[in-house]
Protein backbone atom coordinates (compact mmCIF):
# COMPACT_ATOMS: atom_id res chain seq x y z
CA UNK A 1 -7.07 -20.02 -8.66
CA UNK A 2 -8.87 -21.08 -5.74
CA UNK A 3 -10.01 -25.02 -5.31
CA UNK A 4 -13.16 -25.98 -3.84
CA UNK A 5 -12.88 -28.55 -0.74
CA UNK A 6 -15.85 -30.71 0.68
CA UNK A 7 -19.13 -30.62 -0.76
CA UNK A 8 -21.95 -29.78 1.43
CA UNK A 9 -24.22 -26.82 0.57
CA UNK A 10 -25.17 -26.28 4.50
CA UNK A 11 -21.29 -25.49 5.52
CA UNK A 12 -19.74 -22.26 6.12
CA UNK A 13 -17.67 -21.26 3.45
CA UNK A 14 -14.03 -20.37 4.38
CA UNK A 15 -11.94 -18.89 2.31
CA UNK A 16 -8.23 -19.19 3.06
CA UNK A 17 -5.15 -17.51 2.06
CA UNK A 18 -1.85 -17.64 3.21
CA UNK A 19 0.53 -14.71 3.82
CA UNK A 20 2.68 -13.12 1.04
CA UNK A 21 6.16 -13.97 1.20
CA UNK A 22 7.99 -12.47 4.14
CA UNK A 23 11.52 -12.26 4.79
CA UNK A 24 11.97 -15.04 6.67
CA UNK A 25 10.62 -17.11 4.20
CA UNK A 26 13.02 -15.12 1.37
CA UNK A 27 16.18 -16.37 4.14
CA UNK A 28 15.48 -19.83 4.41
CA UNK A 29 15.48 -20.28 0.88
CA UNK A 30 19.33 -20.15 0.43
CA UNK A 31 19.90 -21.48 4.63
CA UNK A 32 18.93 -23.23 6.75
CA UNK A 33 19.88 -21.02 10.26
CA UNK A 34 17.23 -19.13 11.57
CA UNK A 35 17.68 -15.26 10.04
CA UNK A 36 16.28 -14.07 13.81
CA UNK A 37 13.69 -12.37 12.02
CA UNK A 38 11.40 -11.63 14.71
CA UNK A 39 7.22 -11.09 13.70
CA UNK A 40 9.08 -10.79 10.07
CA UNK A 41 7.75 -8.57 7.42
CA UNK A 42 7.19 -8.75 3.68
CA UNK A 43 9.81 -8.49 1.09
CA UNK A 44 8.96 -6.63 -2.23
CA UNK A 45 8.30 -10.12 -3.84
CA UNK A 46 5.57 -10.57 -1.22
CA UNK A 47 3.86 -6.79 -1.59
CA UNK A 48 3.78 -7.90 -5.25
CA UNK A 49 2.43 -11.32 -4.46
CA UNK A 50 -0.31 -9.41 -2.27
CA UNK A 51 -0.76 -6.78 -4.91
CA UNK A 52 -1.64 -9.78 -7.62
CA UNK A 53 -3.83 -10.97 -5.53
CA UNK A 54 -6.01 -8.11 -4.95
CA UNK A 55 -6.41 -7.87 -8.58
CA UNK A 56 -6.98 -11.08 -9.22
CA UNK A 57 -9.90 -10.89 -6.73
CA UNK A 58 -11.22 -7.46 -8.70
CA UNK A 59 -11.25 -9.72 -11.36
CA UNK A 60 -12.76 -13.17 -10.28
CA UNK A 61 -14.73 -11.64 -7.24
CA UNK A 62 -14.72 -14.58 -5.55
CA UNK A 63 -14.97 -12.72 -2.50
CA UNK A 64 -18.09 -10.91 -3.11
CA UNK A 65 -20.37 -12.47 -0.53
CA UNK A 66 -17.83 -12.39 2.43
CA UNK A 67 -19.28 -11.07 5.85
CA UNK A 68 -16.25 -11.35 8.08
CA UNK A 69 -12.54 -10.76 7.45
CA UNK A 70 -9.97 -12.62 10.40
CA UNK A 71 -6.25 -12.20 10.19
CA UNK A 72 -3.53 -13.82 12.49
CA UNK A 73 -1.81 -11.45 14.59
CA UNK A 74 1.51 -11.65 13.17
CA UNK A 75 2.94 -8.73 10.83
CA UNK A 76 2.83 -10.70 7.25
CA UNK A 77 -0.73 -11.62 7.83
CA UNK A 78 -1.83 -8.49 9.07
CA UNK A 79 0.63 -6.58 5.91
CA UNK A 80 -0.93 -9.48 3.33
CA UNK A 81 -4.31 -8.37 4.42
CA UNK A 82 -4.46 -4.93 4.34
CA UNK A 83 -2.91 -5.16 0.84
CA UNK A 84 -5.10 -7.69 -0.89
CA UNK A 85 -8.11 -7.23 0.56
CA UNK A 86 -7.61 -3.21 0.56
CA UNK A 87 -10.73 -3.30 -1.20
CA UNK A 88 -12.80 -5.44 1.53
CA UNK A 89 -11.66 -3.80 4.59
CA UNK A 90 -12.73 -0.80 3.97
CA UNK A 91 -16.57 -2.26 4.50
CA UNK A 92 -16.09 -5.69 6.12
CA UNK A 93 -14.91 -6.15 9.66
CA UNK A 94 -11.60 -7.48 9.87
CA UNK A 95 -11.04 -9.14 13.57
CA UNK A 96 -7.33 -10.28 14.41
CA UNK A 97 -8.00 -13.92 15.74
CA UNK A 98 -5.06 -15.04 18.44
CA UNK A 99 -5.78 -19.30 17.34
CA UNK A 100 -5.23 -18.61 13.77
CA UNK A 101 -1.13 -17.67 14.36
CA UNK A 102 0.93 -20.15 13.44
CA UNK A 103 3.06 -22.50 15.38
CA UNK A 104 5.65 -21.06 16.73
CA UNK A 105 9.13 -23.08 14.82
CA UNK A 106 11.29 -19.87 14.15
CA UNK A 107 11.76 -16.16 15.14
CA UNK A 108 9.29 -15.09 12.43
CA UNK A 109 6.19 -16.94 14.36
CA UNK A 110 6.57 -14.60 17.39
CA UNK A 111 5.08 -11.27 17.56
CA UNK A 112 4.67 -7.57 18.61
CA UNK A 113 2.71 -6.42 21.59
CA UNK A 114 -0.88 -5.51 20.79
CA UNK A 115 -0.64 -1.81 21.22
CA UNK A 116 2.30 -1.45 18.46
CA UNK A 117 0.30 -3.18 15.94
CA UNK A 118 -2.97 -1.77 16.51
CA UNK A 119 -1.20 1.63 16.02
CA UNK A 120 -0.53 0.32 12.30
CA UNK A 121 -3.19 -1.69 11.40
CA UNK A 122 -6.26 0.89 12.35
CA UNK A 123 -8.67 -0.69 10.03
CA UNK A 124 -8.80 -4.09 12.47
CA UNK A 125 -9.96 -4.56 15.71
CA UNK A 126 -7.84 -6.14 18.39
CA UNK A 127 -10.50 -6.40 20.91
CA UNK A 128 -9.43 -10.65 21.04
CA UNK A 129 -5.54 -10.16 21.15
CA UNK A 130 -6.05 -7.55 23.59
CA UNK A 131 -7.69 -10.64 26.06
CA UNK A 132 -4.85 -12.41 25.66
CA UNK A 133 -0.99 -11.41 27.97
CA UNK A 134 1.57 -9.82 26.72
CA UNK A 135 3.43 -12.43 25.19
CA UNK A 136 0.05 -13.77 23.04
CA UNK A 137 2.47 -16.38 20.91
CA UNK A 138 3.83 -20.15 22.71
CA UNK A 139 6.66 -18.77 24.86
CA UNK A 140 8.92 -21.48 26.65
CA UNK A 141 9.43 -18.82 29.28
CA UNK A 142 7.18 -15.67 30.98
CA UNK A 143 3.86 -14.52 29.32
CA UNK A 144 4.73 -10.95 31.21
CA UNK A 145 8.75 -11.38 29.93
CA UNK A 146 9.68 -7.84 28.40
CA UNK A 147 9.72 -8.12 24.67
CA UNK A 148 13.61 -7.02 24.51
CA UNK A 149 14.31 -9.50 27.02
CA UNK A 150 12.20 -12.65 25.01
CA UNK A 151 14.20 -11.94 22.01
CA UNK A 152 17.19 -12.08 23.32
CA UNK A 153 16.88 -15.19 24.84
CA UNK A 154 15.55 -16.84 21.72
CA UNK A 155 18.13 -15.75 19.61
CA UNK A 156 20.97 -16.70 22.31
CA UNK A 157 19.20 -20.29 22.53
CA UNK A 158 18.91 -20.55 18.93
CA UNK A 159 14.90 -20.40 19.74
CA UNK A 160 12.44 -23.65 20.49
CA UNK A 161 9.53 -25.44 18.61
CA UNK A 162 5.84 -24.73 19.88
CA UNK A 163 4.82 -28.42 20.82
CA UNK A 164 1.75 -30.16 18.32
CA UNK A 165 -0.63 -30.80 20.99
CA UNK A 166 -1.07 -27.26 21.82
CA UNK A 167 -1.08 -26.16 18.08
CA UNK A 168 -3.41 -28.79 17.64
CA UNK A 169 -5.57 -27.44 20.49
CA UNK A 170 -5.54 -23.85 19.46
CA UNK A 171 -6.43 -25.14 15.92
CA UNK A 172 -9.81 -26.49 17.06
CA UNK A 173 -10.11 -23.64 19.17
CA UNK A 174 -10.47 -21.28 15.74
CA UNK A 175 -12.80 -23.74 14.20
CA UNK A 176 -15.21 -23.91 17.10
CA UNK A 177 -14.58 -19.81 16.75
CA UNK A 178 -15.44 -20.32 13.20
CA UNK A 179 -18.40 -22.27 13.81
CA UNK A 180 -20.15 -20.40 16.48
CA UNK A 181 -19.98 -16.90 14.74
CA UNK A 182 -23.29 -15.85 12.63
CA UNK A 183 -21.40 -15.34 9.51
CA UNK A 184 -21.58 -18.20 7.00
CA UNK A 185 -18.82 -16.56 4.53
CA UNK A 186 -15.86 -15.61 6.10
CA UNK A 187 -12.01 -14.61 4.52
CA UNK A 188 -9.33 -16.18 6.94
CA UNK A 189 -5.53 -14.72 6.53
CA UNK A 190 -3.24 -16.93 8.00
CA UNK A 191 -0.13 -19.44 7.24
CA UNK A 192 0.94 -22.58 5.82
CA UNK A 193 1.14 -24.80 9.08
CA UNK A 194 -2.24 -23.60 10.86
CA UNK A 195 -3.90 -23.99 7.04
CA UNK A 196 -2.59 -27.44 6.34
CA UNK A 197 -3.47 -28.56 8.97
CA UNK A 198 -6.98 -28.16 8.03
CA UNK A 199 -6.94 -28.31 4.41
CA UNK A 200 -4.65 -31.38 4.48
CA UNK A 201 -2.29 -29.64 2.20
CA UNK A 202 0.21 -26.34 1.70
CA UNK A 203 -0.80 -23.12 0.63
CA UNK A 204 1.68 -21.24 -2.16
CA UNK A 205 2.65 -17.83 -0.70
CA UNK A 206 -0.76 -15.32 -1.20
CA UNK A 207 -2.79 -18.56 -2.17
CA UNK A 208 -6.27 -18.89 -1.95
CA UNK A 209 -8.47 -21.69 -1.07
CA UNK A 210 -12.11 -22.26 -0.40
CA UNK A 211 -13.04 -24.75 2.08
CA UNK A 212 -16.30 -25.89 3.17
CA UNK A 213 -16.31 -26.02 7.02
CA UNK A 214 -18.90 -28.51 8.25
CA UNK A 215 -20.38 -28.46 11.63
CA UNK A 216 -18.82 -32.14 13.24
CA UNK A 217 -15.33 -31.01 11.31
CA UNK A 218 -12.19 -31.31 13.55
CA UNK A 219 -8.70 -30.88 13.10
CA UNK A 220 -6.71 -34.11 13.90
CA UNK A 221 -3.37 -35.08 13.54
């Protein structure tokens, strides 16, 4: 069930959804070693979680007034959105918003080329992602590095962590974007790290949380 955070009736209403279980999530349940699942997909359990969320949304109609859907460009969010919000993406605009991606702490937080994602998710607008460099996630290398070379280097080095300052700056850019868009009821499909920086608690896979976004809200450490 969704939980309301905040109470100002003039705030924008944001419905945060965390993606369903990914193959990286599953692997890390039994190991502390990165399984090198680049841009991880959903497990069968994750697919079922997304389907169950879709059914729950049909029953409680909590998203009936949503005017816009924004989704992280990482595949586990795109897939979760496609399944859980199947009944909404046919009539409501879906914008892929790069700033709501996850803080890079593993292989799953690195993505794919925009042209490949666009071929798979035809209902979504990738216009904002197209404005980003080829490597649109945080990298400790060149933004123009070929994807295969990036992944090989990541695996050989054991990966890297995105500085928290970079993630904080990006989170506030995302919040400003949400404040400035014309819609007032928005569904955001994102990640545990990103959403917890805003709502101050961790969401479970495929969990929904309703949040009132005030005009003066700012993400802080």
